[in-house]
N, C-alpha and C. Protein backbone atom coordinates (compact mmCIF):
# COMPACT_ATOMS: atom_id res chain seq x y z
N MET A 1 4.16 12.99 -0.30
CA MET A 1 3.87 11.94 -1.24
C MET A 1 4.71 12.09 -2.51
N TRP A 2 4.92 13.31 -2.98
CA TRP A 2 5.64 13.53 -4.23
C TRP A 2 7.13 13.80 -4.00
N GLY A 3 7.56 14.00 -2.78
CA GLY A 3 8.92 14.41 -2.53
C GLY A 3 9.93 13.30 -2.37
N PHE A 4 9.52 12.03 -2.27
CA PHE A 4 10.47 10.96 -2.00
C PHE A 4 10.32 9.83 -3.00
N PRO A 5 11.35 9.34 -3.58
CA PRO A 5 12.62 10.03 -3.79
C PRO A 5 12.48 11.10 -4.87
N LYS A 6 13.36 12.07 -4.84
CA LYS A 6 13.24 13.23 -5.73
C LYS A 6 13.30 12.88 -7.21
N ASP A 7 14.07 11.89 -7.60
CA ASP A 7 14.27 11.56 -9.01
C ASP A 7 13.29 10.53 -9.55
N LEU A 8 12.31 10.13 -8.79
CA LEU A 8 11.38 9.10 -9.20
C LEU A 8 10.17 9.71 -9.90
N LEU A 9 9.84 9.21 -11.07
CA LEU A 9 8.62 9.60 -11.77
C LEU A 9 7.69 8.41 -11.78
N ILE A 10 6.53 8.57 -11.20
CA ILE A 10 5.55 7.50 -11.15
C ILE A 10 4.54 7.72 -12.27
N PRO A 11 4.41 6.76 -13.21
CA PRO A 11 3.46 6.93 -14.31
C PRO A 11 2.04 7.12 -13.79
N HIS A 12 1.36 8.13 -14.30
CA HIS A 12 0.00 8.43 -13.87
C HIS A 12 -0.74 9.14 -15.01
N ASN A 13 -2.05 9.17 -14.90
CA ASN A 13 -2.89 9.82 -15.90
C ASN A 13 -4.03 10.56 -15.23
N LEU A 14 -4.55 11.56 -15.92
CA LEU A 14 -5.82 12.12 -15.50
C LEU A 14 -6.88 11.05 -15.76
N ILE A 15 -7.92 11.05 -14.96
CA ILE A 15 -8.90 9.97 -14.99
C ILE A 15 -9.55 9.75 -16.36
N HIS A 16 -9.68 10.80 -17.14
CA HIS A 16 -10.36 10.66 -18.44
C HIS A 16 -9.45 10.10 -19.54
N GLU A 17 -8.17 9.96 -19.28
CA GLU A 17 -7.23 9.45 -20.28
C GLU A 17 -7.16 7.92 -20.21
N GLU A 18 -7.11 7.29 -21.35
CA GLU A 18 -7.00 5.84 -21.42
C GLU A 18 -5.54 5.43 -21.53
N ASP A 19 -5.05 4.74 -20.54
CA ASP A 19 -3.69 4.21 -20.58
C ASP A 19 -3.64 2.98 -19.69
N LYS A 20 -3.58 1.82 -20.29
CA LYS A 20 -3.59 0.58 -19.52
C LYS A 20 -2.26 0.29 -18.82
N LYS A 21 -1.22 1.05 -19.16
CA LYS A 21 0.10 0.86 -18.53
C LYS A 21 0.16 1.54 -17.17
N SER A 22 -0.65 2.54 -16.96
CA SER A 22 -0.62 3.31 -15.72
C SER A 22 -1.64 2.77 -14.73
N ASN A 23 -1.22 2.60 -13.47
CA ASN A 23 -2.13 2.14 -12.42
C ASN A 23 -2.57 3.27 -11.52
N ILE A 24 -2.22 4.50 -11.85
CA ILE A 24 -2.58 5.64 -11.01
C ILE A 24 -3.45 6.59 -11.81
N ASN A 25 -4.63 6.86 -11.29
CA ASN A 25 -5.55 7.82 -11.89
C ASN A 25 -5.64 9.05 -11.00
N ILE A 26 -5.71 10.22 -11.62
CA ILE A 26 -5.89 11.46 -10.86
C ILE A 26 -7.26 12.01 -11.19
N GLY A 27 -8.12 12.09 -10.18
CA GLY A 27 -9.47 12.63 -10.35
C GLY A 27 -9.49 14.11 -10.05
N TYR A 28 -10.49 14.79 -10.55
CA TYR A 28 -10.63 16.23 -10.37
C TYR A 28 -12.12 16.56 -10.41
N PRO A 29 -12.52 17.76 -9.99
CA PRO A 29 -13.95 18.08 -9.94
C PRO A 29 -14.65 17.87 -11.28
N LYS A 30 -15.83 17.27 -11.21
CA LYS A 30 -16.73 17.01 -12.34
C LYS A 30 -16.21 15.96 -13.32
N CYS A 31 -15.24 15.15 -12.91
CA CYS A 31 -14.76 14.11 -13.82
C CYS A 31 -15.57 12.84 -13.62
N LYS A 32 -15.54 11.96 -14.60
CA LYS A 32 -16.17 10.65 -14.51
C LYS A 32 -15.08 9.63 -14.21
N PHE A 33 -15.28 8.86 -13.16
CA PHE A 33 -14.28 7.91 -12.72
C PHE A 33 -14.41 6.59 -13.47
N LYS A 34 -13.26 6.03 -13.83
CA LYS A 34 -13.20 4.74 -14.52
C LYS A 34 -12.42 3.78 -13.64
N PRO A 35 -13.07 3.18 -12.65
CA PRO A 35 -12.32 2.30 -11.75
C PRO A 35 -11.82 1.06 -12.45
N GLY A 36 -10.72 0.58 -11.97
CA GLY A 36 -10.14 -0.64 -12.50
C GLY A 36 -9.50 -1.43 -11.38
N LYS A 37 -9.35 -2.69 -11.59
CA LYS A 37 -8.74 -3.55 -10.59
C LYS A 37 -7.30 -3.11 -10.33
N GLU A 38 -6.93 -3.07 -9.06
CA GLU A 38 -5.58 -2.72 -8.62
C GLU A 38 -5.15 -1.34 -9.10
N LYS A 39 -6.06 -0.41 -9.07
CA LYS A 39 -5.76 0.97 -9.45
C LYS A 39 -5.65 1.83 -8.20
N LEU A 40 -4.93 2.92 -8.34
CA LEU A 40 -4.78 3.90 -7.28
C LEU A 40 -5.42 5.19 -7.76
N LEU A 41 -6.24 5.81 -6.92
CA LEU A 41 -6.89 7.06 -7.27
C LEU A 41 -6.36 8.18 -6.39
N ILE A 42 -5.90 9.25 -7.01
CA ILE A 42 -5.52 10.47 -6.29
C ILE A 42 -6.60 11.48 -6.61
N ASN A 43 -7.41 11.80 -5.62
CA ASN A 43 -8.57 12.65 -5.83
C ASN A 43 -8.28 14.08 -5.40
N ILE A 44 -8.37 15.02 -6.34
CA ILE A 44 -8.18 16.43 -6.04
C ILE A 44 -9.51 17.07 -5.64
N ASN A 45 -10.60 16.47 -6.07
CA ASN A 45 -11.94 16.94 -5.73
C ASN A 45 -12.16 16.73 -4.23
N PRO A 46 -12.71 17.71 -3.50
CA PRO A 46 -12.94 17.52 -2.06
C PRO A 46 -14.05 16.52 -1.75
N ASP A 47 -14.86 16.16 -2.75
CA ASP A 47 -15.96 15.23 -2.54
C ASP A 47 -15.52 13.79 -2.84
N LEU A 48 -16.17 12.85 -2.18
CA LEU A 48 -15.85 11.44 -2.34
C LEU A 48 -16.47 10.90 -3.63
N PRO A 49 -15.67 10.26 -4.49
CA PRO A 49 -16.22 9.67 -5.71
C PRO A 49 -17.20 8.54 -5.37
N LYS A 50 -18.20 8.34 -6.20
CA LYS A 50 -19.20 7.30 -5.96
C LYS A 50 -18.61 5.90 -6.00
N GLU A 51 -17.64 5.65 -6.86
CA GLU A 51 -17.13 4.31 -7.04
C GLU A 51 -15.74 4.13 -6.44
N VAL A 52 -15.46 4.83 -5.36
CA VAL A 52 -14.13 4.77 -4.76
C VAL A 52 -13.79 3.37 -4.24
N SER A 53 -14.79 2.60 -3.86
CA SER A 53 -14.53 1.27 -3.30
C SER A 53 -13.93 0.31 -4.32
N LYS A 54 -13.99 0.63 -5.60
CA LYS A 54 -13.42 -0.24 -6.62
C LYS A 54 -11.92 -0.03 -6.80
N TYR A 55 -11.37 0.95 -6.10
CA TYR A 55 -9.94 1.20 -6.17
C TYR A 55 -9.23 0.50 -5.03
N GLN A 56 -8.05 0.01 -5.30
CA GLN A 56 -7.26 -0.65 -4.26
C GLN A 56 -6.71 0.38 -3.28
N TYR A 57 -6.29 1.54 -3.80
CA TYR A 57 -5.75 2.61 -2.97
C TYR A 57 -6.43 3.91 -3.34
N PHE A 58 -6.65 4.75 -2.34
CA PHE A 58 -7.33 6.02 -2.55
C PHE A 58 -6.65 7.10 -1.71
N TYR A 59 -6.20 8.16 -2.38
CA TYR A 59 -5.60 9.30 -1.70
C TYR A 59 -6.46 10.52 -1.96
N GLN A 60 -6.80 11.22 -0.89
CA GLN A 60 -7.62 12.42 -0.98
C GLN A 60 -6.75 13.62 -0.64
N LEU A 61 -6.54 14.51 -1.60
CA LEU A 61 -5.81 15.73 -1.33
C LEU A 61 -6.77 16.76 -0.74
N VAL A 62 -6.36 17.41 0.33
CA VAL A 62 -7.22 18.36 1.03
C VAL A 62 -6.63 19.76 0.92
N ILE A 63 -7.45 20.68 0.47
CA ILE A 63 -7.05 22.08 0.43
C ILE A 63 -7.51 22.71 1.73
N GLU A 64 -6.56 23.14 2.55
CA GLU A 64 -6.88 23.72 3.85
C GLU A 64 -7.11 25.22 3.70
N ASP A 65 -8.29 25.56 3.22
CA ASP A 65 -8.62 26.96 2.97
C ASP A 65 -9.46 27.59 4.08
N ALA A 66 -9.71 26.85 5.16
CA ALA A 66 -10.53 27.33 6.28
C ALA A 66 -11.91 27.76 5.77
N SER A 67 -12.40 27.07 4.76
CA SER A 67 -13.69 27.45 4.17
C SER A 67 -14.36 26.23 3.57
N ASN A 68 -15.05 26.43 2.46
CA ASN A 68 -15.89 25.43 1.83
C ASN A 68 -15.14 24.17 1.41
N LEU A 69 -13.99 24.31 0.79
CA LEU A 69 -13.26 23.13 0.33
C LEU A 69 -12.81 22.26 1.50
N ARG A 70 -12.36 22.88 2.55
CA ARG A 70 -11.93 22.15 3.75
C ARG A 70 -13.13 21.44 4.40
N GLU A 71 -14.28 22.11 4.45
CA GLU A 71 -15.49 21.51 5.03
C GLU A 71 -15.95 20.30 4.22
N ARG A 72 -15.91 20.41 2.90
CA ARG A 72 -16.30 19.29 2.03
C ARG A 72 -15.35 18.12 2.21
N ALA A 73 -14.07 18.39 2.36
CA ALA A 73 -13.10 17.32 2.59
C ALA A 73 -13.36 16.64 3.94
N ALA A 74 -13.80 17.42 4.93
CA ALA A 74 -14.14 16.84 6.23
C ALA A 74 -15.33 15.88 6.10
N GLU A 75 -16.29 16.22 5.26
CA GLU A 75 -17.43 15.33 5.00
C GLU A 75 -16.95 14.05 4.31
N THR A 76 -15.99 14.18 3.42
CA THR A 76 -15.41 13.01 2.76
C THR A 76 -14.75 12.09 3.78
N TRP A 77 -14.06 12.68 4.73
CA TRP A 77 -13.41 11.93 5.82
C TRP A 77 -14.45 11.12 6.60
N ILE A 78 -15.56 11.75 6.94
CA ILE A 78 -16.63 11.09 7.68
C ILE A 78 -17.18 9.91 6.87
N LYS A 79 -17.42 10.13 5.57
CA LYS A 79 -17.94 9.06 4.71
C LYS A 79 -16.95 7.90 4.62
N CYS A 80 -15.66 8.20 4.54
CA CYS A 80 -14.65 7.14 4.50
C CYS A 80 -14.69 6.31 5.77
N ASN A 81 -14.82 6.97 6.91
CA ASN A 81 -14.93 6.26 8.18
C ASN A 81 -16.18 5.39 8.23
N GLN A 82 -17.30 5.93 7.75
CA GLN A 82 -18.56 5.19 7.74
C GLN A 82 -18.47 3.94 6.86
N ARG A 83 -17.68 4.00 5.81
CA ARG A 83 -17.52 2.86 4.90
C ARG A 83 -16.43 1.89 5.36
N GLY A 84 -15.81 2.19 6.50
CA GLY A 84 -14.78 1.31 7.04
C GLY A 84 -13.45 1.40 6.31
N MET A 85 -13.18 2.54 5.70
CA MET A 85 -11.94 2.70 4.93
C MET A 85 -10.75 3.08 5.80
N ASN A 86 -10.98 3.40 7.08
CA ASN A 86 -9.92 3.73 8.03
C ASN A 86 -8.93 4.77 7.50
N PRO A 87 -9.41 5.98 7.21
CA PRO A 87 -8.52 7.01 6.68
C PRO A 87 -7.48 7.47 7.69
N THR A 88 -6.35 7.92 7.18
CA THR A 88 -5.33 8.54 8.01
C THR A 88 -5.02 9.91 7.42
N PHE A 89 -4.51 10.81 8.23
CA PHE A 89 -4.21 12.16 7.78
C PHE A 89 -2.71 12.38 7.84
N GLN A 90 -2.15 12.89 6.76
CA GLN A 90 -0.74 13.22 6.73
C GLN A 90 -0.59 14.65 6.23
N ARG A 91 -0.01 15.49 7.04
CA ARG A 91 0.19 16.90 6.66
C ARG A 91 1.56 17.06 6.04
N ASN A 92 1.62 17.71 4.89
CA ASN A 92 2.91 18.00 4.24
C ASN A 92 3.23 19.44 4.36
């Protein structure tokens, strides 16, 4: 996701920062989500945000630690399927 093209910088913010110019929010554990129309969320937290459906695009980063974080991300995958979000998996 971040490797192509190498010289491209995509404006983004941590979810708690206010910037109306950026359409990409990065979530992290224990943050409060501020959904907006036509926003993209990159979630570092293994759990599914409550208001994820308000985002146009949602990317879930998965830490493959063969333990708790991976298991929680698997639960997020199941919830996405149950909500009809049709998740896909891409390994980098």
